[in-house]
Amino acid sequence: MTVFDRVKKLANERKVSLAELTKALNMGENSIYKWKTQKPAIDKLQQVADYFNVTVDYLLGREEKEEEGFVTFFRANTSDLSDEKKQLLEEELMAFMEARRKFLDGKGK
């Protein structure tokens, strides 16, 4: 799996498009698509790793992503929930994860 493939997979898991990702990271419009044929700059790679809370080594395929503890903490049996309530739960968890990422980004400044 290439760097581009891993980034695309992470974006799909977060339900964010690559266009939204590049905009959120103030990158050029097609910069991540260029990673299909070009090596990314280390600073851009680090930005993407930080955004998804993974390591650069994961993006480079040197290690597998470990599941985050807080994600496991929120895991619940949803078999009795309607599809609408499952979607709402997923949206709330994604909002929490985004708020956590922003909080952690702020602590590093």
PDB file of N, CA and C in Angstrom:
ATOM      1  N   MET A   1       0.850  -1.174   0.000  1.00  0.00           N
ATOM      2  CA  MET A   1       0.000   0.000   0.000  1.00  0.00           C
ATOM      3  C   MET A   1       0.900   1.243   0.000  1.00  0.00           C
ATOM      4  N   THR A   2       0.604   2.194  -0.862  1.00  0.00           N
ATOM      5  CA  THR A   2       1.400   3.413  -0.978  1.00  0.00           C
ATOM      6  C   THR A   2       0.980   4.446   0.076  1.00  0.00           C
ATOM      7  N   VAL A   3       1.775   5.503   0.198  1.00  0.00           N
ATOM      8  CA  VAL A   3       1.433   6.599   1.100  1.00  0.00           C
ATOM      9  C   VAL A   3       0.070   7.158   0.713  1.00  0.00           C
ATOM     10  N   PHE A   4      -0.134   7.382  -0.572  1.00  0.00           N
ATOM     11  CA  PHE A   4      -1.419   7.907  -1.036  1.00  0.00           C
ATOM     12  C   PHE A   4      -2.558   6.982  -0.615  1.00  0.00           C
ATOM     13  N   ASP A   5      -2.376   5.668  -0.796  1.00  0.00           N
ATOM     14  CA  ASP A   5      -3.418   4.702  -0.438  1.00  0.00           C
ATOM     15  C   ASP A   5      -3.744   4.762   1.051  1.00  0.00           C
ATOM     16  N   ARG A   6      -2.717   4.888   1.880  1.00  0.00           N
ATOM     17  CA  ARG A   6      -2.945   4.952   3.327  1.00  0.00           C
ATOM     18  C   ARG A   6      -3.682   6.245   3.708  1.00  0.00           C
ATOM     19  N   VAL A   7      -3.303   7.350   3.105  1.00  0.00           N
ATOM     20  CA  VAL A   7      -3.980   8.616   3.384  1.00  0.00           C
ATOM     21  C   VAL A   7      -5.430   8.540   2.922  1.00  0.00           C
ATOM     22  N   LYS A   8      -5.650   7.999   1.745  1.00  0.00           N
ATOM     23  CA  LYS A   8      -7.013   7.850   1.216  1.00  0.00           C
ATOM     24  C   LYS A   8      -7.849   6.972   2.143  1.00  0.00           C
ATOM     25  N   LYS A   9      -7.269   5.885   2.632  1.00  0.00           N
ATOM     26  CA  LYS A   9      -7.976   4.984   3.542  1.00  0.00           C
ATOM     27  C   LYS A   9      -8.343   5.699   4.838  1.00  0.00           C
ATOM     28  N   LEU A  10      -7.395   6.439   5.404  1.00  0.00           N
ATOM     29  CA  LEU A  10      -7.676   7.191   6.626  1.00  0.00           C
ATOM     30  C   LEU A  10      -8.773   8.233   6.400  1.00  0.00           C
ATOM     31  N   ALA A  11      -8.714   8.910   5.267  1.00  0.00           N
ATOM     32  CA  ALA A  11      -9.737   9.912   4.941  1.00  0.00           C
ATOM     33  C   ALA A  11     -11.104   9.255   4.815  1.00  0.00           C
ATOM     34  N   ASN A  12     -11.161   8.112   4.159  1.00  0.00           N
ATOM     35  CA  ASN A  12     -12.431   7.393   4.029  1.00  0.00           C
ATOM     36  C   ASN A  12     -12.976   6.981   5.392  1.00  0.00           C
ATOM     37  N   GLU A  13     -12.092   6.514   6.265  1.00  0.00           N
ATOM     38  CA  GLU A  13     -12.513   6.118   7.614  1.00  0.00           C
ATOM     39  C   GLU A  13     -13.097   7.303   8.377  1.00  0.00           C
ATOM     40  N   ARG A  14     -12.560   8.487   8.150  1.00  0.00           N
ATOM     41  CA  ARG A  14     -13.022   9.702   8.814  1.00  0.00           C
ATOM     42  C   ARG A  14     -14.156  10.391   8.065  1.00  0.00           C
ATOM     43  N   LYS A  15     -14.477   9.821   6.891  1.00  0.00           N
ATOM     44  CA  LYS A  15     -15.523  10.397   6.036  1.00  0.00           C
ATOM     45  C   LYS A  15     -15.197  11.848   5.659  1.00  0.00           C
ATOM     46  N   VAL A  16     -13.939  12.039   5.265  1.00  0.00           N
ATOM     47  CA  VAL A  16     -13.487  13.348   4.799  1.00  0.00           C
ATOM     48  C   VAL A  16     -12.869  13.148   3.414  1.00  0.00           C
ATOM     49  N   SER A  17     -13.164  14.035   2.496  1.00  0.00           N
ATOM     50  CA  SER A  17     -12.591  13.928   1.158  1.00  0.00           C
ATOM     51  C   SER A  17     -11.152  14.430   1.173  1.00  0.00           C
ATOM     52  N   LEU A  18     -10.399  14.050   0.171  1.00  0.00           N
ATOM     53  CA  LEU A  18      -9.027  14.546   0.077  1.00  0.00           C
ATOM     54  C   LEU A  18      -9.018  16.050  -0.154  1.00  0.00           C
ATOM     55  N   ALA A  19     -10.015  16.559  -0.849  1.00  0.00           N
ATOM     56  CA  ALA A  19     -10.120  18.012  -1.049  1.00  0.00           C
ATOM     57  C   ALA A  19     -10.337  18.715   0.288  1.00  0.00           C
ATOM     58  N   GLU A  20     -11.199  18.143   1.139  1.00  0.00           N
ATOM     59  CA  GLU A  20     -11.437  18.728   2.464  1.00  0.00           C
ATOM     60  C   GLU A  20     -10.169  18.647   3.322  1.00  0.00           C
ATOM     61  N   LEU A  21      -9.466  17.532   3.202  1.00  0.00           N
ATOM     62  CA  LEU A  21      -8.230  17.355   3.966  1.00  0.00           C
ATOM     63  C   LEU A  21      -7.193  18.396   3.567  1.00  0.00           C
ATOM     64  N   THR A  22      -6.972  18.558   2.265  1.00  0.00           N
ATOM     65  CA  THR A  22      -5.969  19.533   1.822  1.00  0.00           C
ATOM     66  C   THR A  22      -6.360  20.953   2.228  1.00  0.00           C
ATOM     67  N   LYS A  23      -7.651  21.244   2.207  1.00  0.00           N
ATOM     68  CA  LYS A  23      -8.109  22.568   2.626  1.00  0.00           C
ATOM     69  C   LYS A  23      -7.880  22.767   4.124  1.00  0.00           C
ATOM     70  N   ALA A  24      -8.194  21.747   4.928  1.00  0.00           N
ATOM     71  CA  ALA A  24      -8.012  21.838   6.379  1.00  0.00           C
ATOM     72  C   ALA A  24      -6.541  22.026   6.747  1.00  0.00           C
ATOM     73  N   LEU A  25      -5.654  21.469   5.926  1.00  0.00           N
ATOM     74  CA  LEU A  25      -4.222  21.547   6.207  1.00  0.00           C
ATOM     75  C   LEU A  25      -3.523  22.662   5.432  1.00  0.00           C
ATOM     76  N   ASN A  26      -4.304  23.485   4.735  1.00  0.00           N
ATOM     77  CA  ASN A  26      -3.763  24.593   3.941  1.00  0.00           C
ATOM     78  C   ASN A  26      -2.715  24.113   2.938  1.00  0.00           C
ATOM     79  N   MET A  27      -3.024  23.014   2.273  1.00  0.00           N
ATOM     80  CA  MET A  27      -2.141  22.460   1.246  1.00  0.00           C
ATOM     81  C   MET A  27      -2.723  22.788  -0.123  1.00  0.00           C
ATOM     82  N   GLY A  28      -1.911  22.656  -1.144  1.00  0.00           N
ATOM     83  CA  GLY A  28      -2.388  22.867  -2.508  1.00  0.00           C
ATOM     84  C   GLY A  28      -3.501  21.899  -2.852  1.00  0.00           C
ATOM     85  N   GLU A  29      -4.379  22.307  -3.736  1.00  0.00           N
ATOM     86  CA  GLU A  29      -5.593  21.557  -4.054  1.00  0.00           C
ATOM     87  C   GLU A  29      -5.353  20.093  -4.415  1.00  0.00           C
ATOM     88  N   ASN A  30      -4.364  19.815  -5.235  1.00  0.00           N
ATOM     89  CA  ASN A  30      -4.106  18.441  -5.669  1.00  0.00           C
ATOM     90  C   ASN A  30      -2.829  17.853  -5.090  1.00  0.00           C
ATOM     91  N   SER A  31      -2.329  18.474  -4.026  1.00  0.00           N
ATOM     92  CA  SER A  31      -1.023  18.059  -3.508  1.00  0.00           C
ATOM     93  C   SER A  31      -0.997  16.598  -3.061  1.00  0.00           C
ATOM     94  N   ILE A  32      -2.050  16.117  -2.444  1.00  0.00           N
ATOM     95  CA  ILE A  32      -2.045  14.716  -1.991  1.00  0.00           C
ATOM     96  C   ILE A  32      -2.165  13.765  -3.178  1.00  0.00           C
ATOM     97  N   TYR A  33      -2.915  14.161  -4.198  1.00  0.00           N
ATOM     98  CA  TYR A  33      -3.009  13.306  -5.396  1.00  0.00           C
ATOM     99  C   TYR A  33      -1.642  13.138  -6.068  1.00  0.00           C
ATOM    100  N   LYS A  34      -0.792  14.148  -5.935  1.00  0.00           N
ATOM    101  CA  LYS A  34       0.556  14.055  -6.511  1.00  0.00           C
ATOM    102  C   LYS A  34       1.383  12.966  -5.837  1.00  0.00           C
ATOM    103  N   TRP A  35       0.972  12.565  -4.633  1.00  0.00           N
ATOM    104  CA  TRP A  35       1.700  11.538  -3.902  1.00  0.00           C
ATOM    105  C   TRP A  35       1.566  10.162  -4.554  1.00  0.00           C
ATOM    106  N   LYS A  36       0.702  10.078  -5.549  1.00  0.00           N
ATOM    107  CA  LYS A  36       0.617   8.822  -6.310  1.00  0.00           C
ATOM    108  C   LYS A  36       1.904   8.584  -7.087  1.00  0.00           C
ATOM    109  N   THR A  37       2.541   9.678  -7.522  1.00  0.00           N
ATOM    110  CA  THR A  37       3.743   9.557  -8.359  1.00  0.00           C
ATOM    111  C   THR A  37       4.968  10.258  -7.790  1.00  0.00           C
ATOM    112  N   GLN A  38       4.762  11.108  -6.786  1.00  0.00           N
ATOM    113  CA  GLN A  38       5.878  11.863  -6.206  1.00  0.00           C
ATOM    114  C   GLN A  38       5.959  11.601  -4.711  1.00  0.00           C
ATOM    115  N   LYS A  39       7.165  11.694  -4.190  1.00  0.00           N
ATOM    116  CA  LYS A  39       7.341  11.542  -2.740  1.00  0.00           C
ATOM    117  C   LYS A  39       6.906  12.826  -2.053  1.00  0.00           C
ATOM    118  N   PRO A  40       6.134  12.703  -0.974  1.00  0.00           N
ATOM    119  CA  PRO A  40       5.698  13.913  -0.267  1.00  0.00           C
ATOM    120  C   PRO A  40       6.832  14.520   0.551  1.00  0.00           C
ATOM    121  N   ALA A  41       6.760  15.817   0.740  1.00  0.00           N
ATOM    122  CA  ALA A  41       7.703  16.501   1.618  1.00  0.00           C
ATOM    123  C   ALA A  41       7.429  16.059   3.048  1.00  0.00           C
ATOM    124  N   ILE A  42       8.463  15.955   3.845  1.00  0.00           N
ATOM    125  CA  ILE A  42       8.323  15.448   5.208  1.00  0.00           C
ATOM    126  C   ILE A  42       7.392  16.317   6.048  1.00  0.00           C
ATOM    127  N   ASP A  43       7.419  17.642   5.852  1.00  0.00           N
ATOM    128  CA  ASP A  43       6.540  18.502   6.642  1.00  0.00           C
ATOM    129  C   ASP A  43       5.068  18.268   6.302  1.00  0.00           C
ATOM    130  N   LYS A  44       4.776  17.999   5.031  1.00  0.00           N
ATOM    131  CA  LYS A  44       3.399  17.704   4.618  1.00  0.00           C
ATOM    132  C   LYS A  44       2.971  16.343   5.143  1.00  0.00           C
ATOM    133  N   LEU A  45       3.874  15.399   5.099  1.00  0.00           N
ATOM    134  CA  LEU A  45       3.597  14.063   5.621  1.00  0.00           C
ATOM    135  C   LEU A  45       3.296  14.135   7.120  1.00  0.00           C
ATOM    136  N   GLN A  46       4.074  14.946   7.834  1.00  0.00           N
ATOM    137  CA  GLN A  46       3.857  15.097   9.282  1.00  0.00           C
ATOM    138  C   GLN A  46       2.513  15.755   9.567  1.00  0.00           C
ATOM    139  N   GLN A  47       2.124  16.738   8.757  1.00  0.00           N
ATOM    140  CA  GLN A  47       0.827  17.390   8.928  1.00  0.00           C
ATOM    141  C   GLN A  47      -0.303  16.372   8.817  1.00  0.00           C
ATOM    142  N   VAL A  48      -0.227  15.523   7.792  1.00  0.00           N
ATOM    143  CA  VAL A  48      -1.271  14.523   7.578  1.00  0.00           C
ATOM    144  C   VAL A  48      -1.270  13.512   8.727  1.00  0.00           C
ATOM    145  N   ALA A  49      -0.085  13.093   9.161  1.00  0.00           N
ATOM    146  CA  ALA A  49       0.015  12.154  10.278  1.00  0.00           C
ATOM    147  C   ALA A  49      -0.610  12.756  11.539  1.00  0.00           C
ATOM    148  N   ASP A  50      -0.311  14.010  11.813  1.00  0.00           N
ATOM    149  CA  ASP A  50      -0.881  14.681  12.982  1.00  0.00           C
ATOM    150  C   ASP A  50      -2.398  14.796  12.872  1.00  0.00           C
ATOM    151  N   TYR A  51      -2.878  15.123  11.682  1.00  0.00           N
ATOM    152  CA  TYR A  51      -4.320  15.267  11.467  1.00  0.00           C
ATOM    153  C   TYR A  51      -5.054  13.980  11.802  1.00  0.00           C
ATOM    154  N   PHE A  52      -4.490  12.845  11.360  1.00  0.00           N
ATOM    155  CA  PHE A  52      -5.141  11.560  11.581  1.00  0.00           C
ATOM    156  C   PHE A  52      -4.674  10.874  12.862  1.00  0.00           C
ATOM    157  N   ASN A  53      -3.788  11.524  13.601  1.00  0.00           N
ATOM    158  CA  ASN A  53      -3.264  10.967  14.840  1.00  0.00           C
ATOM    159  C   ASN A  53      -2.609   9.598  14.615  1.00  0.00           C
ATOM    160  N   VAL A  54      -1.792   9.532  13.584  1.00  0.00           N
ATOM    161  CA  VAL A  54      -0.987   8.344  13.289  1.00  0.00           C
ATOM    162  C   VAL A  54       0.463   8.805  13.157  1.00  0.00           C
ATOM    163  N   THR A  55       1.363   7.854  13.040  1.00  0.00           N
ATOM    164  CA  THR A  55       2.767   8.208  12.877  1.00  0.00           C
ATOM    165  C   THR A  55       3.123   8.332  11.398  1.00  0.00           C
ATOM    166  N   VAL A  56       4.198   9.054  11.137  1.00  0.00           N
ATOM    167  CA  VAL A  56       4.724   9.118   9.777  1.00  0.00           C
ATOM    168  C   VAL A  56       5.128   7.715   9.329  1.00  0.00           C
ATOM    169  N   ASP A  57       5.659   6.928  10.245  1.00  0.00           N
ATOM    170  CA  ASP A  57       6.026   5.548   9.907  1.00  0.00           C
ATOM    171  C   ASP A  57       4.819   4.751   9.435  1.00  0.00           C
ATOM    172  N   TYR A  58       3.658   4.990  10.029  1.00  0.00           N
ATOM    173  CA  TYR A  58       2.452   4.305   9.547  1.00  0.00           C
ATOM    174  C   TYR A  58       2.154   4.722   8.106  1.00  0.00           C
ATOM    175  N   LEU A  59       2.202   6.021   7.836  1.00  0.00           N
ATOM    176  CA  LEU A  59       1.917   6.499   6.478  1.00  0.00           C
ATOM    177  C   LEU A  59       2.910   5.937   5.469  1.00  0.00           C
ATOM    178  N   LEU A  60       4.149   5.739   5.906  1.00  0.00           N
ATOM    179  CA  LEU A  60       5.175   5.191   5.018  1.00  0.00           C
ATOM    180  C   LEU A  60       5.121   3.666   4.918  1.00  0.00           C
ATOM    181  N   GLY A  61       4.242   3.048   5.706  1.00  0.00           N
ATOM    182  CA  GLY A  61       4.109   1.595   5.657  1.00  0.00           C
ATOM    183  C   GLY A  61       5.126   0.852   6.500  1.00  0.00           C
ATOM    184  N   ARG A  62       5.780   1.563   7.405  1.00  0.00           N
ATOM    185  CA  ARG A  62       6.803   0.936   8.247  1.00  0.00           C
ATOM    186  C   ARG A  62       6.221   0.311   9.503  1.00  0.00           C
ATOM    187  N   GLU A  63       5.002   0.685   9.852  1.00  0.00           N
ATOM    188  CA  GLU A  63       4.336   0.115  11.026  1.00  0.00           C
ATOM    189  C   GLU A  63       2.837   0.115  10.778  1.00  0.00           C
ATOM    190  N   GLU A  64       2.154  -0.725  11.510  1.00  0.00           N
ATOM    191  CA  GLU A  64       0.702  -0.778  11.432  1.00  0.00           C
ATOM    192  C   GLU A  64       0.111   0.165  12.459  1.00  0.00           C
ATOM    193  N   LYS A  65      -1.046   0.687  12.150  1.00  0.00           N
ATOM    194  CA  LYS A  65      -1.727   1.615  13.045  1.00  0.00           C
ATOM    195  C   LYS A  65      -2.266   0.851  14.248  1.00  0.00           C
ATOM    196  N   GLU A  66      -1.960   1.352  15.425  1.00  0.00           N
ATOM    197  CA  GLU A  66      -2.534   0.771  16.635  1.00  0.00           C
ATOM    198  C   GLU A  66      -3.837   1.482  16.911  1.00  0.00           C
ATOM    199  N   GLU A  67      -4.811   0.718  17.338  1.00  0.00           N
ATOM    200  CA  GLU A  67      -6.105   1.304  17.661  1.00  0.00           C
ATOM    201  C   GLU A  67      -5.967   2.179  18.891  1.00  0.00           C
ATOM    202  N   GLU A  68      -6.563   3.343  18.847  1.00  0.00           N
ATOM    203  CA  GLU A  68      -6.471   4.284  19.954  1.00  0.00           C
ATOM    204  C   GLU A  68      -7.350   3.822  21.102  1.00  0.00           C
ATOM    205  N   GLY A  69      -6.868   3.997  22.312  1.00  0.00           N
ATOM    206  CA  GLY A  69      -7.596   3.561  23.496  1.00  0.00           C
ATOM    207  C   GLY A  69      -8.958   4.191  23.646  1.00  0.00           C
ATOM    208  N   PHE A  70      -9.069   5.490  23.357  1.00  0.00           N
ATOM    209  CA  PHE A  70     -10.351   6.141  23.556  1.00  0.00           C
ATOM    210  C   PHE A  70     -11.404   5.654  22.569  1.00  0.00           C
ATOM    211  N   VAL A  71     -10.992   5.189  21.407  1.00  0.00           N
ATOM    212  CA  VAL A  71     -11.956   4.641  20.451  1.00  0.00           C
ATOM    213  C   VAL A  71     -12.548   3.362  21.015  1.00  0.00           C
ATOM    214  N   THR A  72     -11.709   2.509  21.576  1.00  0.00           N
ATOM    215  CA  THR A  72     -12.174   1.278  22.186  1.00  0.00           C
ATOM    216  C   THR A  72     -13.098   1.595  23.361  1.00  0.00           C
ATOM    217  N   PHE A  73     -12.774   2.621  24.118  1.00  0.00           N
ATOM    218  CA  PHE A  73     -13.592   3.004  25.257  1.00  0.00           C
ATOM    219  C   PHE A  73     -15.018   3.311  24.835  1.00  0.00           C
ATOM    220  N   PHE A  74     -15.206   3.918  23.671  1.00  0.00           N
ATOM    221  CA  PHE A  74     -16.528   4.311  23.219  1.00  0.00           C
ATOM    222  C   PHE A  74     -17.241   3.227  22.415  1.00  0.00           C
ATOM    223  N   ARG A  75     -16.582   2.135  22.198  1.00  0.00           N
ATOM    224  CA  ARG A  75     -17.202   1.069  21.432  1.00  0.00           C
ATOM    225  C   ARG A  75     -18.371   0.498  22.226  1.00  0.00           C
ATOM    226  N   ALA A  76     -19.478   0.278  21.557  1.00  0.00           N
ATOM    227  CA  ALA A  76     -20.674  -0.236  22.219  1.00  0.00           C
ATOM    228  C   ALA A  76     -21.402  -1.184  21.282  1.00  0.00           C
ATOM    229  N   ASN A  77     -22.218  -2.025  21.849  1.00  0.00           N
ATOM    230  CA  ASN A  77     -23.048  -2.904  21.045  1.00  0.00           C
ATOM    231  C   ASN A  77     -24.170  -2.057  20.460  1.00  0.00           C
ATOM    232  N   THR A  78     -24.172  -1.916  19.159  1.00  0.00           N
ATOM    233  CA  THR A  78     -25.175  -1.076  18.500  1.00  0.00           C
ATOM    234  C   THR A  78     -26.206  -1.886  17.725  1.00  0.00           C
ATOM    235  N   SER A  79     -26.246  -3.178  17.980  1.00  0.00           N
ATOM    236  CA  SER A  79     -27.133  -4.045  17.193  1.00  0.00           C
ATOM    237  C   SER A  79     -28.603  -3.687  17.362  1.00  0.00           C
ATOM    238  N   ASP A  80     -28.969  -3.089  18.495  1.00  0.00           N
ATOM    239  CA  ASP A  80     -30.372  -2.748  18.714  1.00  0.00           C
ATOM    240  C   ASP A  80     -30.713  -1.311  18.306  1.00  0.00           C
ATOM    241  N   LEU A  81     -29.746  -0.585  17.742  1.00  0.00           N
ATOM    242  CA  LEU A  81     -29.989   0.795  17.314  1.00  0.00           C
ATOM    243  C   LEU A  81     -30.444   0.833  15.861  1.00  0.00           C
ATOM    244  N   SER A  82     -31.274   1.808  15.555  1.00  0.00           N
ATOM    245  CA  SER A  82     -31.675   2.023  14.169  1.00  0.00           C
ATOM    246  C   SER A  82     -30.484   2.570  13.392  1.00  0.00           C
ATOM    247  N   ASP A  83     -30.541   2.484  12.085  1.00  0.00           N
ATOM    248  CA  ASP A  83     -29.468   3.024  11.254  1.00  0.00           C
ATOM    249  C   ASP A  83     -29.290   4.520  11.507  1.00  0.00           C
ATOM    250  N   GLU A  84     -30.388   5.214  11.720  1.00  0.00           N
ATOM    251  CA  GLU A  84     -30.330   6.658  11.980  1.00  0.00           C
ATOM    252  C   GLU A  84     -29.574   6.934  13.286  1.00  0.00           C
ATOM    253  N   LYS A  85     -29.837   6.164  14.333  1.00  0.00           N
ATOM    254  CA  LYS A  85     -29.166   6.364  15.618  1.00  0.00           C
ATOM    255  C   LYS A  85     -27.697   5.937  15.536  1.00  0.00           C
ATOM    256  N   LYS A  86     -27.402   4.923  14.755  1.00  0.00           N
ATOM    257  CA  LYS A  86     -26.001   4.523  14.553  1.00  0.00           C
ATOM    258  C   LYS A  86     -25.241   5.642  13.867  1.00  0.00           C
ATOM    259  N   GLN A  87     -25.856   6.254  12.860  1.00  0.00           N
ATOM    260  CA  GLN A  87     -25.233   7.360  12.149  1.00  0.00           C
ATOM    261  C   GLN A  87     -24.996   8.537  13.084  1.00  0.00           C
ATOM    262  N   LEU A  88     -25.974   8.848  13.920  1.00  0.00           N
ATOM    263  CA  LEU A  88     -25.841   9.938  14.880  1.00  0.00           C
ATOM    264  C   LEU A  88     -24.699   9.658  15.859  1.00  0.00           C
ATOM    265  N   LEU A  89     -24.611   8.426  16.355  1.00  0.00           N
ATOM    266  CA  LEU A  89     -23.534   8.049  17.259  1.00  0.00           C
ATOM    267  C   LEU A  89     -22.173   8.215  16.585  1.00  0.00           C
ATOM    268  N   GLU A  90     -22.077   7.761  15.340  1.00  0.00           N
ATOM    269  CA  GLU A  90     -20.819   7.895  14.607  1.00  0.00           C
ATOM    270  C   GLU A  90     -20.446   9.359  14.423  1.00  0.00           C
ATOM    271  N   GLU A  91     -21.414  10.202  14.089  1.00  0.00           N
ATOM    272  CA  GLU A  91     -21.153  11.632  13.915  1.00  0.00           C
ATOM    273  C   GLU A  91     -20.687  12.279  15.217  1.00  0.00           C
ATOM    274  N   GLU A  92     -21.305  11.890  16.327  1.00  0.00           N
ATOM    275  CA  GLU A  92     -20.907  12.445  17.619  1.00  0.00           C
ATOM    276  C   GLU A  92     -19.492  12.008  17.994  1.00  0.00           C
ATOM    277  N   LEU A  93     -19.158  10.761  17.721  1.00  0.00           N
ATOM    278  CA  LEU A  93     -17.810  10.287  18.006  1.00  0.00           C
ATOM    279  C   LEU A  93     -16.778  10.989  17.127  1.00  0.00           C
ATOM    280  N   MET A  94     -17.107  11.212  15.866  1.00  0.00           N
ATOM    281  CA  MET A  94     -16.194  11.915  14.971  1.00  0.00           C
ATOM    282  C   MET A  94     -15.996  13.357  15.449  1.00  0.00           C
ATOM    283  N   ALA A  95     -17.061  13.996  15.912  1.00  0.00           N
ATOM    284  CA  ALA A  95     -16.945  15.360  16.429  1.00  0.00           C
ATOM    285  C   ALA A  95     -16.056  15.379  17.671  1.00  0.00           C
ATOM    286  N   PHE A  96     -16.213  14.381  18.527  1.00  0.00           N
ATOM    287  CA  PHE A  96     -15.368  14.270  19.709  1.00  0.00           C
ATOM    288  C   PHE A  96     -13.908  14.096  19.307  1.00  0.00           C
ATOM    289  N   MET A  97     -13.650  13.213  18.344  1.00  0.00           N
ATOM    290  CA  MET A  97     -12.279  12.962  17.908  1.00  0.00           C
ATOM    291  C   MET A  97     -11.664  14.226  17.311  1.00  0.00           C
ATOM    292  N   GLU A  98     -12.451  14.971  16.558  1.00  0.00           N
ATOM    293  CA  GLU A  98     -11.951  16.217  15.965  1.00  0.00           C
ATOM    294  C   GLU A  98     -11.650  17.248  17.054  1.00  0.00           C
ATOM    295  N   ALA A  99     -12.522  17.357  18.047  1.00  0.00           N
ATOM    296  CA  ALA A  99     -12.295  18.285  19.154  1.00  0.00           C
ATOM    297  C   ALA A  99     -11.044  17.880  19.929  1.00  0.00           C
ATOM    298  N   ARG A 100     -10.851  16.578  20.113  1.00  0.00           N
ATOM    299  CA  ARG A 100      -9.658  16.085  20.807  1.00  0.00           C
ATOM    300  C   ARG A 100      -8.406  16.448  20.014  1.00  0.00           C
ATOM    301  N   ARG A 101      -8.466  16.254  18.683  1.00  0.00           N
ATOM    302  CA  ARG A 101      -7.317  16.572  17.838  1.00  0.00           C
ATOM    303  C   ARG A 101      -6.983  18.059  17.941  1.00  0.00           C
ATOM    304  N   LYS A 102      -8.009  18.925  17.897  1.00  0.00           N
ATOM    305  CA  LYS A 102      -7.781  20.365  17.982  1.00  0.00           C
ATOM    306  C   LYS A 102      -7.208  20.738  19.343  1.00  0.00           C
ATOM    307  N   PHE A 103      -7.708  20.098  20.394  1.00  0.00           N
ATOM    308  CA  PHE A 103      -7.192  20.343  21.735  1.00  0.00           C
ATOM    309  C   PHE A 103      -5.710  19.979  21.814  1.00  0.00           C
ATOM    310  N   LEU A 104      -5.388  18.800  21.314  1.00  0.00           N
ATOM    311  CA  LEU A 104      -3.986  18.349  21.343  1.00  0.00           C
ATOM    312  C   LEU A 104      -3.101  19.233  20.476  1.00  0.00           C
ATOM    313  N   ASP A 105      -3.621  19.684  19.339  1.00  0.00           N
ATOM    314  CA  ASP A 105      -2.860  20.612  18.491  1.00  0.00           C
ATOM    315  C   ASP A 105      -2.569  21.908  19.250  1.00  0.00           C
ATOM    316  N   GLY A 106      -3.517  22.390  20.014  1.00  0.00           N
ATOM    317  CA  GLY A 106      -3.350  23.632  20.772  1.00  0.00           C
ATOM    318  C   GLY A 106      -2.339  23.510  21.896  1.00  0.00           C
ATOM    319  N   LYS A 107      -2.235  22.312  22.466  1.00  0.00           N
ATOM    320  CA  LYS A 107      -1.288  22.100  23.564  1.00  0.00           C
ATOM    321  C   LYS A 107       0.144  22.112  23.071  1.00  0.00           C
ATOM    322  N   GLY A 108       0.338  21.776  21.786  1.00  0.00           N
ATOM    323  CA  GLY A 108       1.683  21.719  21.235  1.00  0.00           C
ATOM    324  C   GLY A 108       2.230  23.080  20.852  1.00  0.00           C
ATOM    325  N   LYS A 109       1.410  24.105  20.904  1.00  0.00           N
ATOM    326  CA  LYS A 109       1.834  25.441  20.472  1.00  0.00           C
ATOM    327  C   LYS A 109       2.401  26.227  21.608  1.00  0.00           C
TER     328      LYS A 109
END
